[in-house]
Amino acid sequence: MAYRFGGRNDRGQALVELALVLTVLLTLLLATVEMGRIGHAYLTVLHASREGARLGALGGEDKEITSRVQAAAASIPADKLTIEISPAKWQRFTGEPIEVAVSYNVHLVVPFISQILPNPFSVTGRTVMRIE
């Protein structure tokens, strides 16, 4: 009889251990997914800023640059992007730099991550190129 009771206690212990380990594993999994969302947004806005700066370096107008940035960041809603182009068109001369900055606020969905990081988490891609 002692063996039968010992077996039941082991199963209960395994269940408690599973609950403890599963909590940690799910926490790590959700944190990884959230960091992946932030990483994707950062790479997207960085790519979009490069596309816009390249068009600006070739003499594109602000409206064209904005359209190119929005097209390059197609996975992010265009109305959620903040696009800054400097200097103004009338101040751009050959050999001078043009800077395109693209920002996006990533809204965090995992509760414990939003307690660690600011919510929304702002990502910015900034590119400077020489005007040709």
C-alpha atoms as a PDB file:
ATOM      1  CA  MET A   1       0.000   0.000   0.000  1.00  0.00           C
ATOM      2  CA  ALA A   2       2.850   2.399   0.666  1.00  0.00           C
ATOM      3  CA  TYR A   3       3.844   2.223  -2.991  1.00  0.00           C
ATOM      4  CA  ARG A   4       0.418   3.125  -4.279  1.00  0.00           C
ATOM      5  CA  PHE A   5       0.234   6.297  -2.167  1.00  0.00           C
ATOM      6  CA  GLY A   6       3.777   7.259  -3.204  1.00  0.00           C
ATOM      7  CA  GLY A   7       2.799   7.064  -6.872  1.00  0.00           C
ATOM      8  CA  ARG A   8      -0.133   9.414  -6.405  1.00  0.00           C
ATOM      9  CA  ASN A   9       2.052  11.930  -4.577  1.00  0.00           C
ATOM     10  CA  ASP A  10       4.569  11.858  -7.431  1.00  0.00           C
ATOM     11  CA  ARG A  11       1.870  12.639  -9.958  1.00  0.00           C
ATOM     12  CA  GLY A  12       0.710  15.592  -7.905  1.00  0.00           C
ATOM     13  CA  GLN A  13       4.269  16.822  -7.611  1.00  0.00           C
ATOM     14  CA  ALA A  14       4.761  16.549 -11.368  1.00  0.00           C
ATOM     15  CA  LEU A  15       1.616  18.592 -11.948  1.00  0.00           C
ATOM     16  CA  VAL A  16       2.839  21.359  -9.642  1.00  0.00           C
ATOM     17  CA  GLU A  17       6.250  21.357 -11.335  1.00  0.00           C
ATOM     18  CA  LEU A  18       4.589  21.548 -14.750  1.00  0.00           C
ATOM     19  CA  ALA A  19       2.515  24.530 -13.637  1.00  0.00           C
ATOM     20  CA  LEU A  20       5.619  26.343 -12.405  1.00  0.00           C
ATOM     21  CA  VAL A  21       7.718  25.598 -15.488  1.00  0.00           C
ATOM     22  CA  LEU A  22       4.865  26.304 -17.905  1.00  0.00           C
ATOM     23  CA  THR A  23       4.443  29.786 -16.443  1.00  0.00           C
ATOM     24  CA  VAL A  24       8.084  30.611 -17.099  1.00  0.00           C
ATOM     25  CA  LEU A  25       8.009  29.128 -20.607  1.00  0.00           C
ATOM     26  CA  LEU A  26       4.853  31.009 -21.600  1.00  0.00           C
ATOM     27  CA  THR A  27       6.332  34.224 -20.242  1.00  0.00           C
ATOM     28  CA  LEU A  28       9.458  33.743 -22.363  1.00  0.00           C
ATOM     29  CA  LEU A  29       7.382  32.865 -25.425  1.00  0.00           C
ATOM     30  CA  LEU A  30       5.165  35.954 -25.127  1.00  0.00           C
ATOM     31  CA  ALA A  31       8.189  38.189 -24.512  1.00  0.00           C
ATOM     32  CA  THR A  32       9.848  36.767 -27.638  1.00  0.00           C
ATOM     33  CA  VAL A  33       6.754  37.431 -29.731  1.00  0.00           C
ATOM     34  CA  GLU A  34       6.509  41.018 -28.472  1.00  0.00           C
ATOM     35  CA  MET A  35      10.205  41.677 -29.139  1.00  0.00           C
ATOM     36  CA  GLY A  36       9.690  40.243 -32.627  1.00  0.00           C
ATOM     37  CA  ARG A  37       6.874  42.733 -33.239  1.00  0.00           C
ATOM     38  CA  ILE A  38       9.103  45.601 -32.115  1.00  0.00           C
ATOM     39  CA  GLY A  39      11.998  44.332 -34.241  1.00  0.00           C
ATOM     40  CA  HIS A  40       9.785  44.028 -37.303  1.00  0.00           C
ATOM     41  CA  ALA A  41       8.495  47.575 -36.866  1.00  0.00           C
ATOM     42  CA  TYR A  42      12.050  48.921 -36.435  1.00  0.00           C
ATOM     43  CA  LEU A  43      13.377  47.196 -39.550  1.00  0.00           C
ATOM     44  CA  THR A  44      10.341  48.351 -41.541  1.00  0.00           C
ATOM     45  CA  VAL A  45      10.691  52.044 -40.610  1.00  0.00           C
ATOM     46  CA  LEU A  46      14.467  51.900 -41.162  1.00  0.00           C
ATOM     47  CA  HIS A  47      13.970  50.460 -44.652  1.00  0.00           C
ATOM     48  CA  ALA A  48      11.291  53.056 -45.400  1.00  0.00           C
ATOM     49  CA  SER A  49      13.562  55.916 -44.298  1.00  0.00           C
ATOM     50  CA  ARG A  50      16.326  54.622 -46.609  1.00  0.00           C
ATOM     51  CA  GLU A  51      13.917  54.454 -49.526  1.00  0.00           C
ATOM     52  CA  GLY A  52      12.732  58.012 -48.870  1.00  0.00           C
ATOM     53  CA  ALA A  53      16.240  59.400 -48.409  1.00  0.00           C
ATOM     54  CA  ARG A  54      17.394  57.781 -51.640  1.00  0.00           C
ATOM     55  CA  LEU A  55      14.540  59.354 -53.580  1.00  0.00           C
ATOM     56  CA  GLY A  56      15.247  62.702 -51.898  1.00  0.00           C
ATOM     57  CA  ALA A  57      18.938  62.429 -52.792  1.00  0.00           C
ATOM     58  CA  LEU A  58      17.916  62.021 -56.431  1.00  0.00           C
ATOM     59  CA  GLY A  59      15.820  65.206 -56.300  1.00  0.00           C
ATOM     60  CA  GLY A  60      12.370  63.909 -55.415  1.00  0.00           C
ATOM     61  CA  GLU A  61       9.666  66.193 -54.089  1.00  0.00           C
ATOM     62  CA  ASP A  62       8.357  65.857 -50.520  1.00  0.00           C
ATOM     63  CA  LYS A  63       5.089  64.372 -51.741  1.00  0.00           C
ATOM     64  CA  GLU A  64       6.958  61.712 -53.758  1.00  0.00           C
ATOM     65  CA  ILE A  65       9.218  60.934 -50.810  1.00  0.00           C
ATOM     66  CA  THR A  66       6.215  60.526 -48.509  1.00  0.00           C
ATOM     67  CA  SER A  67       4.524  58.191 -50.995  1.00  0.00           C
ATOM     68  CA  ARG A  68       7.696  56.113 -51.371  1.00  0.00           C
ATOM     69  CA  VAL A  69       8.084  55.838 -47.585  1.00  0.00           C
ATOM     70  CA  GLN A  70       4.477  54.723 -47.176  1.00  0.00           C
ATOM     71  CA  ALA A  71       4.871  52.146 -49.960  1.00  0.00           C
ATOM     72  CA  ALA A  72       8.095  50.797 -48.422  1.00  0.00           C
ATOM     73  CA  ALA A  73       6.384  50.451 -45.034  1.00  0.00           C
ATOM     74  CA  ALA A  74       3.328  48.673 -46.451  1.00  0.00           C
ATOM     75  CA  SER A  75       2.951  46.410 -43.391  1.00  0.00           C
ATOM     76  CA  ILE A  76       2.340  49.471 -41.191  1.00  0.00           C
ATOM     77  CA  PRO A  77      -0.801  51.588 -41.668  1.00  0.00           C
ATOM     78  CA  ALA A  78       0.189  54.775 -43.518  1.00  0.00           C
ATOM     79  CA  ASP A  79      -1.770  57.007 -41.138  1.00  0.00           C
ATOM     80  CA  LYS A  80       0.238  55.700 -38.162  1.00  0.00           C
ATOM     81  CA  LEU A  81       3.623  56.712 -39.618  1.00  0.00           C
ATOM     82  CA  THR A  82       5.309  59.993 -38.786  1.00  0.00           C
ATOM     83  CA  ILE A  83       7.535  61.168 -41.641  1.00  0.00           C
ATOM     84  CA  GLU A  84       9.975  64.063 -41.264  1.00  0.00           C
ATOM     85  CA  ILE A  85      12.010  65.371 -44.206  1.00  0.00           C
ATOM     86  CA  SER A  86      14.720  67.978 -43.730  1.00  0.00           C
ATOM     87  CA  PRO A  87      15.826  70.372 -44.998  1.00  0.00           C
ATOM     88  CA  ALA A  88      12.891  71.949 -46.830  1.00  0.00           C
ATOM     89  CA  LYS A  89      12.840  71.568 -50.641  1.00  0.00           C
ATOM     90  CA  TRP A  90      14.043  75.141 -51.269  1.00  0.00           C
ATOM     91  CA  GLN A  91      17.083  74.562 -48.990  1.00  0.00           C
ATOM     92  CA  ARG A  92      18.322  71.423 -50.799  1.00  0.00           C
ATOM     93  CA  PHE A  93      21.445  71.784 -52.906  1.00  0.00           C
ATOM     94  CA  THR A  94      23.751  69.300 -54.604  1.00  0.00           C
ATOM     95  CA  GLY A  95      26.280  67.892 -52.156  1.00  0.00           C
ATOM     96  CA  GLU A  96      24.268  68.806 -49.079  1.00  0.00           C
ATOM     97  CA  PRO A  97      22.643  66.161 -46.854  1.00  0.00           C
ATOM     98  CA  ILE A  98      18.978  65.234 -46.810  1.00  0.00           C
ATOM     99  CA  GLU A  99      17.529  63.472 -43.782  1.00  0.00           C
ATOM    100  CA  VAL A 100      14.383  61.353 -43.706  1.00  0.00           C
ATOM    101  CA  ALA A 101      13.100  60.155 -40.324  1.00  0.00           C
ATOM    102  CA  VAL A 102      10.217  57.698 -40.045  1.00  0.00           C
ATOM    103  CA  SER A 103       8.605  56.948 -36.666  1.00  0.00           C
ATOM    104  CA  TYR A 104       5.956  54.481 -35.563  1.00  0.00           C
ATOM    105  CA  ASN A 105       4.438  53.712 -32.157  1.00  0.00           C
ATOM    106  CA  VAL A 106       4.194  49.972 -31.487  1.00  0.00           C
ATOM    107  CA  HIS A 107       1.310  49.278 -29.130  1.00  0.00           C
ATOM    108  CA  LEU A 108       2.337  46.453 -26.800  1.00  0.00           C
ATOM    109  CA  VAL A 109      -0.242  43.724 -26.233  1.00  0.00           C
ATOM    110  CA  VAL A 110       1.466  41.595 -23.572  1.00  0.00           C
ATOM    111  CA  PRO A 111       0.612  43.075 -20.154  1.00  0.00           C
ATOM    112  CA  PHE A 112       3.850  42.370 -18.285  1.00  0.00           C
ATOM    113  CA  ILE A 113       6.001  43.698 -21.146  1.00  0.00           C
ATOM    114  CA  SER A 114       4.047  46.958 -21.124  1.00  0.00           C
ATOM    115  CA  GLN A 115       5.001  47.338 -17.460  1.00  0.00           C
ATOM    116  CA  ILE A 116       8.703  47.083 -18.366  1.00  0.00           C
ATOM    117  CA  LEU A 117       8.735  49.081 -21.609  1.00  0.00           C
ATOM    118  CA  PRO A 118       6.816  52.270 -22.356  1.00  0.00           C
ATOM    119  CA  ASN A 119       3.505  51.639 -24.077  1.00  0.00           C
ATOM    120  CA  PRO A 120       3.335  52.598 -26.917  1.00  0.00           C
ATOM    121  CA  PHE A 121       6.968  51.845 -27.738  1.00  0.00           C
ATOM    122  CA  SER A 122       8.305  54.300 -30.316  1.00  0.00           C
ATOM    123  CA  VAL A 123      10.649  53.069 -33.063  1.00  0.00           C
ATOM    124  CA  THR A 124      12.416  55.474 -35.404  1.00  0.00           C
ATOM    125  CA  GLY A 125      14.408  54.946 -38.570  1.00  0.00           C
ATOM    126  CA  ARG A 126      16.603  57.885 -39.589  1.00  0.00           C
ATOM    127  CA  THR A 127      18.675  58.049 -42.781  1.00  0.00           C
ATOM    128  CA  VAL A 128      20.945  60.823 -44.080  1.00  0.00           C
ATOM    129  CA  MET A 129      22.174  60.845 -47.693  1.00  0.00           C
ATOM    130  CA  ARG A 130      24.048  63.326 -49.840  1.00  0.00           C
ATOM    131  CA  ILE A 131      21.980  65.033 -52.530  1.00  0.00           C
ATOM    132  CA  GLU A 132      23.268  64.190 -56.001  1.00  0.00           C
END
